Amino acid sequence: MSEGEFVDVRPIIPDKSGDQDIDESTDTYDAMEWLEHSVNLGFINYPYLNEYCVFLKSIRSEERFEKLMVRVKYEWENFEV
């Protein structure tokens, strides 16, 4: 998960050369890591994640998000108490 020093708005680094070159564009990776972690812990509210949560709007078009939603939808539709 994300570690290190918090910087409110990191300047864009157009030519990243390694893992230490992080900027606002790397937030998608961190968001997906946390979302996958939450799903693995059982948070499978498909309608909320796929449509209603405004905080996920910027990553909904990501291929990784779409693949995760396939899994979440399946688990949501097949949930048993």
Foldseek 3Di string as FASTA:
>chain_A
DDDDDDDPFADDDPDDDDPVDDGPVCVLVVVLVVVVVVVVVPPLPLCCQQPNPPVCVVCNVPPSNVVVSVVSVVCVVPPDD
